[in-house]
């Protein structure tokens, strides 16, 4: 009787181990297939090789010397953004995308739970740091800001508690 229980437990354990291995390998294969499909789509569209790496809430796309990284686990303003760009503190960071295109690094920060009067507050923050701004309000809860200080361009757009802010080096004319 004891031997039968041991065989049953061993069989059950083996079945669970095989099942878990199957699930993990399917997830890995699914992830790999997704990466390959994205690579093919990018390569067909641009004509040059691309490398896609999909991780847990993180995706990195590399093509030539250019890289785009989306971090869905990010929960704070990127420390790499130069200090001359004021941190947006009127909401909660949800995700960060960092891009390096032609050697220039830029960021896109996605926010949620954004305060209703974010336009006036962040416009004042930008002006304190020497940015010239153009604002457009859409009622009390939305709008956009385009800002420039000669070195960096900041573009912000949001409404209904959600917002996206982009920071990039100013393109030289």
N, C-alpha and C. Protein backbone atom coordinates (compact mmCIF):
# COMPACT_ATOMS: atom_id res chain seq x y z
N UNK A 1 0.82 -1.19 0.00
CA UNK A 1 0.00 0.00 0.00
C UNK A 1 0.87 1.25 0.00
N UNK A 2 1.93 1.25 0.87
CA UNK A 2 2.84 2.40 0.90
C UNK A 2 3.53 2.58 -0.43
N UNK A 3 3.93 1.48 -1.06
CA UNK A 3 4.61 1.55 -2.35
C UNK A 3 3.67 2.13 -3.40
N UNK A 4 2.38 1.79 -3.34
CA UNK A 4 1.42 2.31 -4.30
C UNK A 4 1.26 3.81 -4.14
N UNK A 5 1.18 4.28 -2.87
CA UNK A 5 1.07 5.73 -2.63
C UNK A 5 2.30 6.45 -3.15
N UNK A 6 3.49 5.85 -2.91
CA UNK A 6 4.73 6.47 -3.35
C UNK A 6 4.77 6.54 -4.89
N UNK A 7 4.33 5.48 -5.54
CA UNK A 7 4.30 5.47 -7.01
C UNK A 7 3.29 6.50 -7.51
N UNK A 8 2.11 6.58 -6.86
CA UNK A 8 1.11 7.57 -7.25
C UNK A 8 1.64 8.99 -7.08
N UNK A 9 2.31 9.26 -5.91
CA UNK A 9 2.89 10.59 -5.68
C UNK A 9 3.97 10.89 -6.69
N UNK A 10 4.82 9.90 -6.98
CA UNK A 10 5.90 10.10 -7.95
C UNK A 10 5.31 10.36 -9.33
N UNK A 11 4.29 9.59 -9.68
CA UNK A 11 3.62 9.79 -10.97
C UNK A 11 2.96 11.16 -11.05
N UNK A 12 2.28 11.55 -9.97
CA UNK A 12 1.63 12.86 -9.93
C UNK A 12 2.66 13.97 -10.02
N UNK A 13 3.75 13.83 -9.25
CA UNK A 13 4.82 14.83 -9.29
C UNK A 13 5.40 14.93 -10.69
N UNK A 14 5.64 13.78 -11.31
CA UNK A 14 6.19 13.75 -12.68
C UNK A 14 5.24 14.42 -13.66
N UNK A 15 3.95 14.12 -13.51
CA UNK A 15 2.95 14.72 -14.41
C UNK A 15 2.92 16.24 -14.23
N UNK A 16 2.97 16.72 -13.00
CA UNK A 16 2.99 18.16 -12.73
C UNK A 16 4.25 18.78 -13.31
N UNK A 17 5.39 18.13 -13.13
CA UNK A 17 6.66 18.63 -13.65
C UNK A 17 6.61 18.73 -15.17
N UNK A 18 6.09 17.69 -15.84
CA UNK A 18 5.97 17.71 -17.30
C UNK A 18 5.01 18.81 -17.74
N UNK A 19 3.87 18.93 -17.04
CA UNK A 19 2.89 19.96 -17.38
C UNK A 19 3.49 21.36 -17.24
N UNK A 20 4.19 21.62 -16.12
CA UNK A 20 4.81 22.93 -15.90
C UNK A 20 5.88 23.21 -16.96
N UNK A 21 6.66 22.19 -17.28
CA UNK A 21 7.68 22.35 -18.32
C UNK A 21 7.04 22.68 -19.66
N UNK A 22 5.91 22.00 -19.95
CA UNK A 22 5.19 22.26 -21.19
C UNK A 22 4.69 23.70 -21.24
N UNK A 23 4.10 24.16 -20.14
CA UNK A 23 3.58 25.54 -20.07
C UNK A 23 4.71 26.54 -20.26
N UNK A 24 5.80 26.34 -19.55
CA UNK A 24 6.93 27.27 -19.66
C UNK A 24 7.48 27.27 -21.08
N UNK A 25 7.63 26.10 -21.68
CA UNK A 25 8.17 26.05 -23.03
C UNK A 25 7.20 26.68 -24.02
N UNK A 26 5.91 26.54 -23.81
CA UNK A 26 4.92 27.19 -24.69
C UNK A 26 5.00 28.69 -24.55
N UNK A 27 5.13 29.18 -23.31
CA UNK A 27 5.26 30.62 -23.10
C UNK A 27 6.53 31.13 -23.76
N UNK A 28 7.64 30.42 -23.56
CA UNK A 28 8.89 30.82 -24.18
C UNK A 28 8.76 30.82 -25.69
N UNK A 29 8.11 29.79 -26.25
CA UNK A 29 7.95 29.69 -27.70
C UNK A 29 7.03 30.80 -28.19
N UNK A 30 5.97 31.07 -27.46
CA UNK A 30 5.05 32.14 -27.83
C UNK A 30 5.76 33.48 -27.83
N UNK A 31 6.57 33.72 -26.81
CA UNK A 31 7.34 34.96 -26.71
C UNK A 31 8.30 35.05 -27.88
N UNK A 32 8.99 33.96 -28.17
CA UNK A 32 9.95 33.92 -29.28
C UNK A 32 9.25 34.18 -30.60
N UNK A 33 8.08 33.57 -30.80
CA UNK A 33 7.32 33.77 -32.03
C UNK A 33 6.89 35.23 -32.15
N UNK A 34 6.44 35.83 -31.06
CA UNK A 34 6.06 37.25 -31.07
C UNK A 34 7.25 38.12 -31.43
N UNK A 35 8.40 37.82 -30.84
CA UNK A 35 9.61 38.58 -31.15
C UNK A 35 9.94 38.48 -32.64
N UNK A 36 9.87 37.25 -33.18
CA UNK A 36 10.19 37.03 -34.59
C UNK A 36 9.20 37.77 -35.50
N UNK A 37 7.92 37.74 -35.16
CA UNK A 37 6.91 38.44 -35.96
C UNK A 37 7.15 39.95 -35.96
N UNK A 38 7.47 40.50 -34.79
CA UNK A 38 7.75 41.93 -34.71
C UNK A 38 9.02 42.28 -35.49
N UNK A 39 10.04 41.46 -35.37
CA UNK A 39 11.28 41.69 -36.12
C UNK A 39 10.99 41.71 -37.62
N UNK A 40 10.23 40.71 -38.09
CA UNK A 40 9.90 40.64 -39.52
C UNK A 40 9.12 41.87 -39.97
N UNK A 41 8.14 42.29 -39.16
CA UNK A 41 7.33 43.47 -39.52
C UNK A 41 8.20 44.72 -39.62
N UNK A 42 9.09 44.91 -38.66
CA UNK A 42 9.98 46.08 -38.67
C UNK A 42 10.92 46.02 -39.86
N UNK A 43 11.49 44.84 -40.08
CA UNK A 43 12.43 44.67 -41.19
C UNK A 43 11.75 44.87 -42.54
N UNK A 44 10.52 44.37 -42.70
CA UNK A 44 9.78 44.57 -43.95
C UNK A 44 9.45 46.05 -44.17
N UNK A 45 9.15 46.75 -43.09
CA UNK A 45 8.79 48.17 -43.19
C UNK A 45 9.99 49.06 -43.45
N UNK A 46 11.12 48.75 -42.81
CA UNK A 46 12.28 49.65 -42.88
C UNK A 46 13.37 49.16 -43.82
N UNK A 47 13.39 47.88 -44.11
CA UNK A 47 14.42 47.35 -44.98
C UNK A 47 15.74 47.05 -44.28
N UNK A 48 15.80 47.18 -42.96
CA UNK A 48 17.04 46.85 -42.25
C UNK A 48 16.73 45.92 -41.09
N UNK A 49 17.76 45.18 -40.64
CA UNK A 49 17.60 44.19 -39.58
C UNK A 49 17.17 44.82 -38.26
N UNK A 50 16.36 44.08 -37.52
CA UNK A 50 15.90 44.53 -36.20
C UNK A 50 16.00 43.37 -35.23
N UNK A 51 16.19 43.70 -33.96
CA UNK A 51 16.21 42.72 -32.90
C UNK A 51 15.18 43.13 -31.85
N UNK A 52 14.27 42.23 -31.52
CA UNK A 52 13.21 42.51 -30.54
C UNK A 52 13.39 41.56 -29.37
N UNK A 53 13.38 42.11 -28.16
CA UNK A 53 13.49 41.31 -26.94
C UNK A 53 12.32 41.68 -26.04
N UNK A 54 11.38 40.75 -25.87
CA UNK A 54 10.22 40.97 -25.02
C UNK A 54 10.44 40.29 -23.69
N UNK A 55 10.42 41.06 -22.62
CA UNK A 55 10.59 40.50 -21.28
C UNK A 55 9.35 40.75 -20.46
N UNK A 56 9.44 40.54 -19.16
CA UNK A 56 8.32 40.80 -18.27
C UNK A 56 8.14 42.31 -18.14
N UNK A 57 7.08 42.81 -18.77
CA UNK A 57 6.73 44.23 -18.75
C UNK A 57 7.86 45.12 -19.26
N UNK A 58 8.72 44.56 -20.11
CA UNK A 58 9.80 45.33 -20.70
C UNK A 58 10.01 44.84 -22.13
N UNK A 59 10.18 45.77 -23.06
CA UNK A 59 10.44 45.42 -24.45
C UNK A 59 11.57 46.30 -24.95
N UNK A 60 12.50 45.68 -25.70
CA UNK A 60 13.62 46.42 -26.27
C UNK A 60 13.68 46.10 -27.76
N UNK A 61 13.69 47.14 -28.57
CA UNK A 61 13.81 46.99 -30.01
C UNK A 61 15.10 47.69 -30.42
N UNK A 62 15.97 46.95 -31.11
CA UNK A 62 17.23 47.50 -31.57
C UNK A 62 17.30 47.35 -33.08
N UNK A 63 17.68 48.43 -33.73
CA UNK A 63 17.81 48.42 -35.18
C UNK A 63 18.98 49.32 -35.54
N UNK A 64 20.03 48.71 -36.09
CA UNK A 64 21.24 49.49 -36.36
C UNK A 64 21.77 50.00 -35.03
N UNK A 65 22.10 51.26 -34.94
CA UNK A 65 22.56 51.85 -33.69
C UNK A 65 21.44 52.45 -32.87
N UNK A 66 20.19 52.23 -33.28
CA UNK A 66 19.04 52.83 -32.61
C UNK A 66 18.37 51.82 -31.69
N UNK A 67 17.90 52.30 -30.54
CA UNK A 67 17.25 51.44 -29.55
C UNK A 67 16.03 52.13 -28.98
N UNK A 68 14.96 51.37 -28.80
CA UNK A 68 13.77 51.84 -28.10
C UNK A 68 13.46 50.82 -27.01
N UNK A 69 13.34 51.31 -25.77
CA UNK A 69 13.08 50.42 -24.64
C UNK A 69 11.84 50.91 -23.89
N UNK A 70 10.85 50.04 -23.76
CA UNK A 70 9.65 50.34 -22.99
C UNK A 70 9.73 49.58 -21.68
N UNK A 71 9.64 50.32 -20.57
CA UNK A 71 9.67 49.72 -19.24
C UNK A 71 8.32 49.92 -18.57
N UNK A 72 7.50 48.87 -18.58
CA UNK A 72 6.17 48.93 -17.99
C UNK A 72 6.18 48.83 -16.47
N UNK A 73 7.34 48.56 -15.87
CA UNK A 73 7.45 48.49 -14.41
C UNK A 73 7.96 49.80 -13.82
N UNK A 74 8.35 50.73 -14.67
CA UNK A 74 8.89 52.00 -14.18
C UNK A 74 7.83 52.71 -13.34
N UNK A 75 8.27 53.32 -12.24
CA UNK A 75 7.32 54.03 -11.38
C UNK A 75 7.86 55.37 -10.91
N UNK A 76 8.88 55.88 -11.61
CA UNK A 76 9.42 57.19 -11.24
C UNK A 76 9.99 57.90 -12.46
N UNK A 77 10.11 59.21 -12.33
CA UNK A 77 10.70 60.05 -13.37
C UNK A 77 12.12 59.56 -13.64
N UNK A 78 12.50 59.35 -14.90
CA UNK A 78 13.83 58.84 -15.19
C UNK A 78 14.93 59.78 -14.71
N UNK A 79 15.86 59.26 -13.94
CA UNK A 79 16.98 60.06 -13.43
C UNK A 79 17.91 60.55 -14.52
N UNK A 80 17.84 59.92 -15.70
CA UNK A 80 18.70 60.32 -16.82
C UNK A 80 18.25 61.62 -17.49
N UNK A 81 16.99 62.00 -17.28
CA UNK A 81 16.51 63.24 -17.89
C UNK A 81 17.28 64.39 -17.25
N UNK A 82 17.85 65.28 -18.07
CA UNK A 82 18.66 66.39 -17.53
C UNK A 82 17.89 67.23 -16.52
N UNK A 83 18.62 67.73 -15.52
CA UNK A 83 18.02 68.52 -14.44
C UNK A 83 17.37 69.81 -14.94
N UNK A 84 17.79 70.30 -16.10
CA UNK A 84 17.20 71.54 -16.60
C UNK A 84 15.75 71.35 -17.07
N UNK A 85 15.32 70.08 -17.19
CA UNK A 85 13.92 69.79 -17.50
C UNK A 85 13.24 69.48 -16.17
N UNK A 86 12.23 70.27 -15.79
CA UNK A 86 11.59 70.02 -14.49
C UNK A 86 10.83 68.70 -14.47
N UNK A 87 10.95 68.01 -13.35
CA UNK A 87 10.22 66.76 -13.17
C UNK A 87 8.73 67.05 -13.09
N UNK A 88 7.93 66.22 -13.75
CA UNK A 88 6.48 66.32 -13.65
C UNK A 88 6.06 65.56 -12.41
N UNK A 89 5.48 66.26 -11.44
CA UNK A 89 5.15 65.65 -10.14
C UNK A 89 3.66 65.64 -9.84
N UNK A 90 2.83 65.80 -10.86
CA UNK A 90 1.39 65.95 -10.64
C UNK A 90 0.59 64.71 -11.04
N UNK A 91 1.22 63.53 -10.94
CA UNK A 91 0.57 62.28 -11.25
C UNK A 91 1.49 61.13 -10.89
N UNK A 92 1.06 59.93 -11.22
CA UNK A 92 1.82 58.71 -10.90
C UNK A 92 2.37 58.11 -12.20
N UNK A 93 3.70 57.84 -12.23
CA UNK A 93 4.33 57.25 -13.40
C UNK A 93 3.81 55.82 -13.61
N UNK A 94 3.43 55.52 -14.84
CA UNK A 94 2.91 54.21 -15.19
C UNK A 94 3.90 53.42 -16.06
N UNK A 95 4.63 54.12 -16.94
CA UNK A 95 5.60 53.46 -17.83
C UNK A 95 6.55 54.50 -18.39
N UNK A 96 7.72 54.03 -18.82
CA UNK A 96 8.73 54.92 -19.40
C UNK A 96 9.28 54.27 -20.66
N UNK A 97 9.37 55.06 -21.72
CA UNK A 97 10.03 54.63 -22.94
C UNK A 97 11.28 55.48 -23.12
N UNK A 98 12.41 54.83 -23.33
CA UNK A 98 13.67 55.52 -23.59
C UNK A 98 14.11 55.15 -25.00
N UNK A 99 14.44 56.16 -25.80
CA UNK A 99 14.86 55.94 -27.17
C UNK A 99 16.23 56.54 -27.40
N UNK A 100 17.04 55.83 -28.17
CA UNK A 100 18.29 56.39 -28.65
C UNK A 100 18.24 56.28 -30.16
N UNK A 101 18.03 57.41 -30.82
CA UNK A 101 17.91 57.47 -32.27
C UNK A 101 18.99 58.40 -32.79
N UNK A 102 19.82 57.89 -33.67
CA UNK A 102 20.94 58.67 -34.23
C UNK A 102 21.78 59.30 -33.13
N UNK A 103 21.98 58.58 -32.04
CA UNK A 103 22.82 59.05 -30.94
C UNK A 103 22.15 60.00 -29.96
N UNK A 104 20.92 60.42 -30.24
CA UNK A 104 20.20 61.35 -29.35
C UNK A 104 19.23 60.57 -28.47
N UNK A 105 19.32 60.78 -27.16
CA UNK A 105 18.47 60.07 -26.20
C UNK A 105 17.23 60.92 -25.90
N UNK A 106 16.07 60.28 -25.94
CA UNK A 106 14.81 60.95 -25.59
C UNK A 106 13.97 60.02 -24.74
N UNK A 107 12.98 60.60 -24.08
CA UNK A 107 12.15 59.85 -23.14
C UNK A 107 10.68 60.18 -23.35
N UNK A 108 9.83 59.20 -23.07
CA UNK A 108 8.39 59.40 -23.03
C UNK A 108 7.91 58.76 -21.73
N UNK A 109 7.27 59.56 -20.88
CA UNK A 109 6.82 59.09 -19.58
C UNK A 109 5.29 59.12 -19.58
N UNK A 110 4.69 57.98 -19.25
CA UNK A 110 3.23 57.86 -19.21
C UNK A 110 2.79 57.95 -17.75
N UNK A 111 1.78 58.77 -17.51
CA UNK A 111 1.26 58.99 -16.15
C UNK A 111 -0.20 58.60 -16.06
N UNK A 112 -0.60 58.28 -14.83
CA UNK A 112 -2.00 58.08 -14.48
C UNK A 112 -2.28 58.87 -13.20
N UNK A 113 -3.54 59.00 -12.82
CA UNK A 113 -3.94 59.75 -11.62
C UNK A 113 -3.38 61.18 -11.63
N UNK A 114 -3.47 61.83 -12.78
CA UNK A 114 -2.94 63.18 -12.93
C UNK A 114 -3.93 64.20 -12.36
N UNK A 115 -3.38 65.18 -11.64
CA UNK A 115 -4.20 66.24 -11.04
C UNK A 115 -4.87 67.07 -12.14
N UNK A 116 -6.07 67.59 -11.85
CA UNK A 116 -6.85 68.34 -12.83
C UNK A 116 -6.13 69.59 -13.35
N UNK A 117 -5.41 70.30 -12.50
CA UNK A 117 -4.81 71.57 -12.91
C UNK A 117 -3.34 71.44 -13.31
N UNK A 118 -3.00 70.29 -13.90
CA UNK A 118 -1.60 70.01 -14.26
C UNK A 118 -1.04 70.99 -15.28
N UNK A 119 -1.86 71.51 -16.19
CA UNK A 119 -1.37 72.42 -17.23
C UNK A 119 -0.75 73.66 -16.61
N UNK A 120 -1.49 74.35 -15.75
CA UNK A 120 -0.99 75.59 -15.14
C UNK A 120 0.24 75.33 -14.27
N UNK A 121 0.20 74.24 -13.50
CA UNK A 121 1.32 73.94 -12.59
C UNK A 121 2.61 73.62 -13.36
N UNK A 122 2.51 72.74 -14.36
CA UNK A 122 3.73 72.35 -15.07
C UNK A 122 4.21 73.48 -15.99
N UNK A 123 3.29 74.26 -16.52
CA UNK A 123 3.68 75.42 -17.32
C UNK A 123 4.53 76.37 -16.47
N UNK A 124 4.13 76.61 -15.23
CA UNK A 124 4.91 77.46 -14.32
C UNK A 124 6.27 76.84 -14.02
N UNK A 125 6.32 75.52 -13.82
CA UNK A 125 7.59 74.83 -13.56
C UNK A 125 8.55 74.98 -14.75
N UNK A 126 8.01 74.82 -15.96
CA UNK A 126 8.84 74.95 -17.16
C UNK A 126 9.38 76.37 -17.30
N UNK A 127 8.53 77.36 -17.07
CA UNK A 127 8.96 78.76 -17.20
C UNK A 127 10.04 79.11 -16.18
N UNK A 128 9.93 78.56 -14.97
CA UNK A 128 10.96 78.78 -13.95
C UNK A 128 12.32 78.26 -14.40
N UNK A 129 12.33 77.23 -15.23
CA UNK A 129 13.58 76.63 -15.72
C UNK A 129 14.02 77.25 -17.06
N UNK A 130 13.34 78.32 -17.50
CA UNK A 130 13.76 79.03 -18.70
C UNK A 130 13.15 78.54 -20.01
N UNK A 131 12.12 77.73 -19.96
CA UNK A 131 11.47 77.26 -21.17
C UNK A 131 10.45 78.29 -21.66
N UNK A 132 10.36 78.41 -22.97
CA UNK A 132 9.25 79.15 -23.59
C UNK A 132 8.17 78.12 -23.85
N UNK A 133 6.94 78.45 -23.52
CA UNK A 133 5.87 77.45 -23.62
C UNK A 133 4.70 77.95 -24.46
N UNK A 134 4.01 77.00 -25.04
CA UNK A 134 2.74 77.24 -25.71
C UNK A 134 1.78 76.22 -25.10
N UNK A 135 0.70 76.72 -24.52
CA UNK A 135 -0.26 75.82 -23.87
C UNK A 135 -1.59 75.85 -24.60
N UNK A 136 -2.30 74.75 -24.51
CA UNK A 136 -3.66 74.67 -25.02
C UNK A 136 -4.46 73.90 -23.99
N UNK A 137 -5.49 74.54 -23.46
CA UNK A 137 -6.34 73.89 -22.47
C UNK A 137 -7.61 73.37 -23.12
N UNK A 138 -8.05 72.21 -22.62
CA UNK A 138 -9.31 71.62 -23.04
C UNK A 138 -10.14 71.46 -21.78
N UNK A 139 -10.83 72.49 -21.40
CA UNK A 139 -11.59 72.47 -20.15
C UNK A 139 -10.65 72.52 -18.96
N UNK A 140 -11.11 72.03 -17.82
CA UNK A 140 -10.30 72.05 -16.60
C UNK A 140 -9.41 70.81 -16.44
N UNK A 141 -9.64 69.78 -17.25
CA UNK A 141 -8.98 68.51 -17.00
C UNK A 141 -8.08 68.03 -18.13
N UNK A 142 -7.75 68.88 -19.08
CA UNK A 142 -6.92 68.39 -20.17
C UNK A 142 -6.27 69.49 -20.95
N UNK A 143 -5.36 69.08 -21.82
CA UNK A 143 -4.69 70.02 -22.68
C UNK A 143 -3.29 69.56 -23.03
N UNK A 144 -2.52 70.52 -23.56
CA UNK A 144 -1.16 70.19 -23.95
C UNK A 144 -0.24 71.38 -23.71
N UNK A 145 1.05 71.07 -23.63
CA UNK A 145 2.10 72.08 -23.51
C UNK A 145 3.21 71.67 -24.47
N UNK A 146 3.68 72.63 -25.24
CA UNK A 146 4.89 72.46 -26.03
C UNK A 146 5.87 73.47 -25.47
N UNK A 147 7.08 72.99 -25.11
CA UNK A 147 8.05 73.87 -24.46
C UNK A 147 9.43 73.68 -25.09
N UNK A 148 10.20 74.77 -25.10
CA UNK A 148 11.53 74.75 -25.71
C UNK A 148 12.44 75.67 -24.92
N UNK A 149 13.65 75.22 -24.65
CA UNK A 149 14.62 76.08 -23.99
C UNK A 149 15.88 76.27 -24.84
N UNK A 150 15.78 75.91 -26.12
CA UNK A 150 16.93 76.01 -27.01
C UNK A 150 17.78 74.75 -27.03
N UNK A 151 17.69 73.97 -25.98
CA UNK A 151 18.46 72.72 -25.90
C UNK A 151 17.55 71.49 -25.88
N UNK A 152 16.40 71.61 -25.22
CA UNK A 152 15.45 70.49 -25.12
C UNK A 152 14.06 70.94 -25.51
N UNK A 153 13.31 69.99 -26.05
CA UNK A 153 11.90 70.19 -26.36
C UNK A 153 11.11 69.27 -25.45
N UNK A 154 10.05 69.80 -24.85
CA UNK A 154 9.16 69.03 -23.99
C UNK A 154 7.77 69.13 -24.59
N UNK A 155 7.12 67.98 -24.75
CA UNK A 155 5.74 67.97 -25.23
C UNK A 155 4.92 67.14 -24.26
N UNK A 156 3.85 67.72 -23.79
CA UNK A 156 2.97 67.08 -22.81
C UNK A 156 1.55 67.14 -23.33
N UNK A 157 0.83 66.03 -23.19
CA UNK A 157 -0.57 66.00 -23.57
C UNK A 157 -1.30 65.07 -22.61
N UNK A 158 -2.45 65.54 -22.12
CA UNK A 158 -3.20 64.69 -21.21
C UNK A 158 -4.61 65.15 -20.98
N UNK A 159 -5.41 64.25 -20.46
CA UNK A 159 -6.78 64.54 -20.05
C UNK A 159 -7.34 63.36 -19.28
N UNK A 160 -8.41 63.61 -18.54
CA UNK A 160 -9.11 62.55 -17.81
C UNK A 160 -8.19 61.75 -16.90
N UNK A 161 -7.17 62.39 -16.31
CA UNK A 161 -6.30 61.71 -15.36
C UNK A 161 -5.13 60.96 -15.95
N UNK A 162 -4.99 60.97 -17.29
CA UNK A 162 -3.88 60.29 -17.96
C UNK A 162 -3.07 61.30 -18.74
N UNK A 163 -1.79 61.01 -18.90
CA UNK A 163 -0.92 61.99 -19.53
C UNK A 163 0.31 61.32 -20.11
N UNK A 164 0.86 61.92 -21.16
CA UNK A 164 2.12 61.49 -21.73
C UNK A 164 3.00 62.73 -21.86
N UNK A 165 4.25 62.61 -21.45
CA UNK A 165 5.19 63.72 -21.57
C UNK A 165 6.44 63.22 -22.29
N UNK A 166 6.83 63.91 -23.33
CA UNK A 166 8.01 63.56 -24.10
C UNK A 166 9.10 64.59 -23.89
N UNK A 167 10.33 64.12 -23.72
CA UNK A 167 11.48 65.01 -23.58
C UNK A 167 12.51 64.57 -24.60
N UNK A 168 12.97 65.51 -25.42
CA UNK A 168 13.97 65.16 -26.43
C UNK A 168 14.91 66.34 -26.66
N UNK A 169 16.14 66.02 -27.09
CA UNK A 169 17.07 67.11 -27.41
C UNK A 169 16.52 67.92 -28.58
N UNK A 170 16.75 69.19 -28.56
CA UNK A 170 16.28 70.09 -29.62
C UNK A 170 17.05 69.74 -30.89
N UNK A 171 16.31 69.58 -31.98
CA UNK A 171 16.93 69.31 -33.26
C UNK A 171 17.63 70.58 -33.74
N UNK A 172 18.86 70.44 -34.15
CA UNK A 172 19.62 71.58 -34.66
C UNK A 172 19.20 71.85 -36.09
N UNK A 173 18.94 73.11 -36.38
CA UNK A 173 18.47 73.50 -37.72
C UNK A 173 19.63 73.78 -38.62
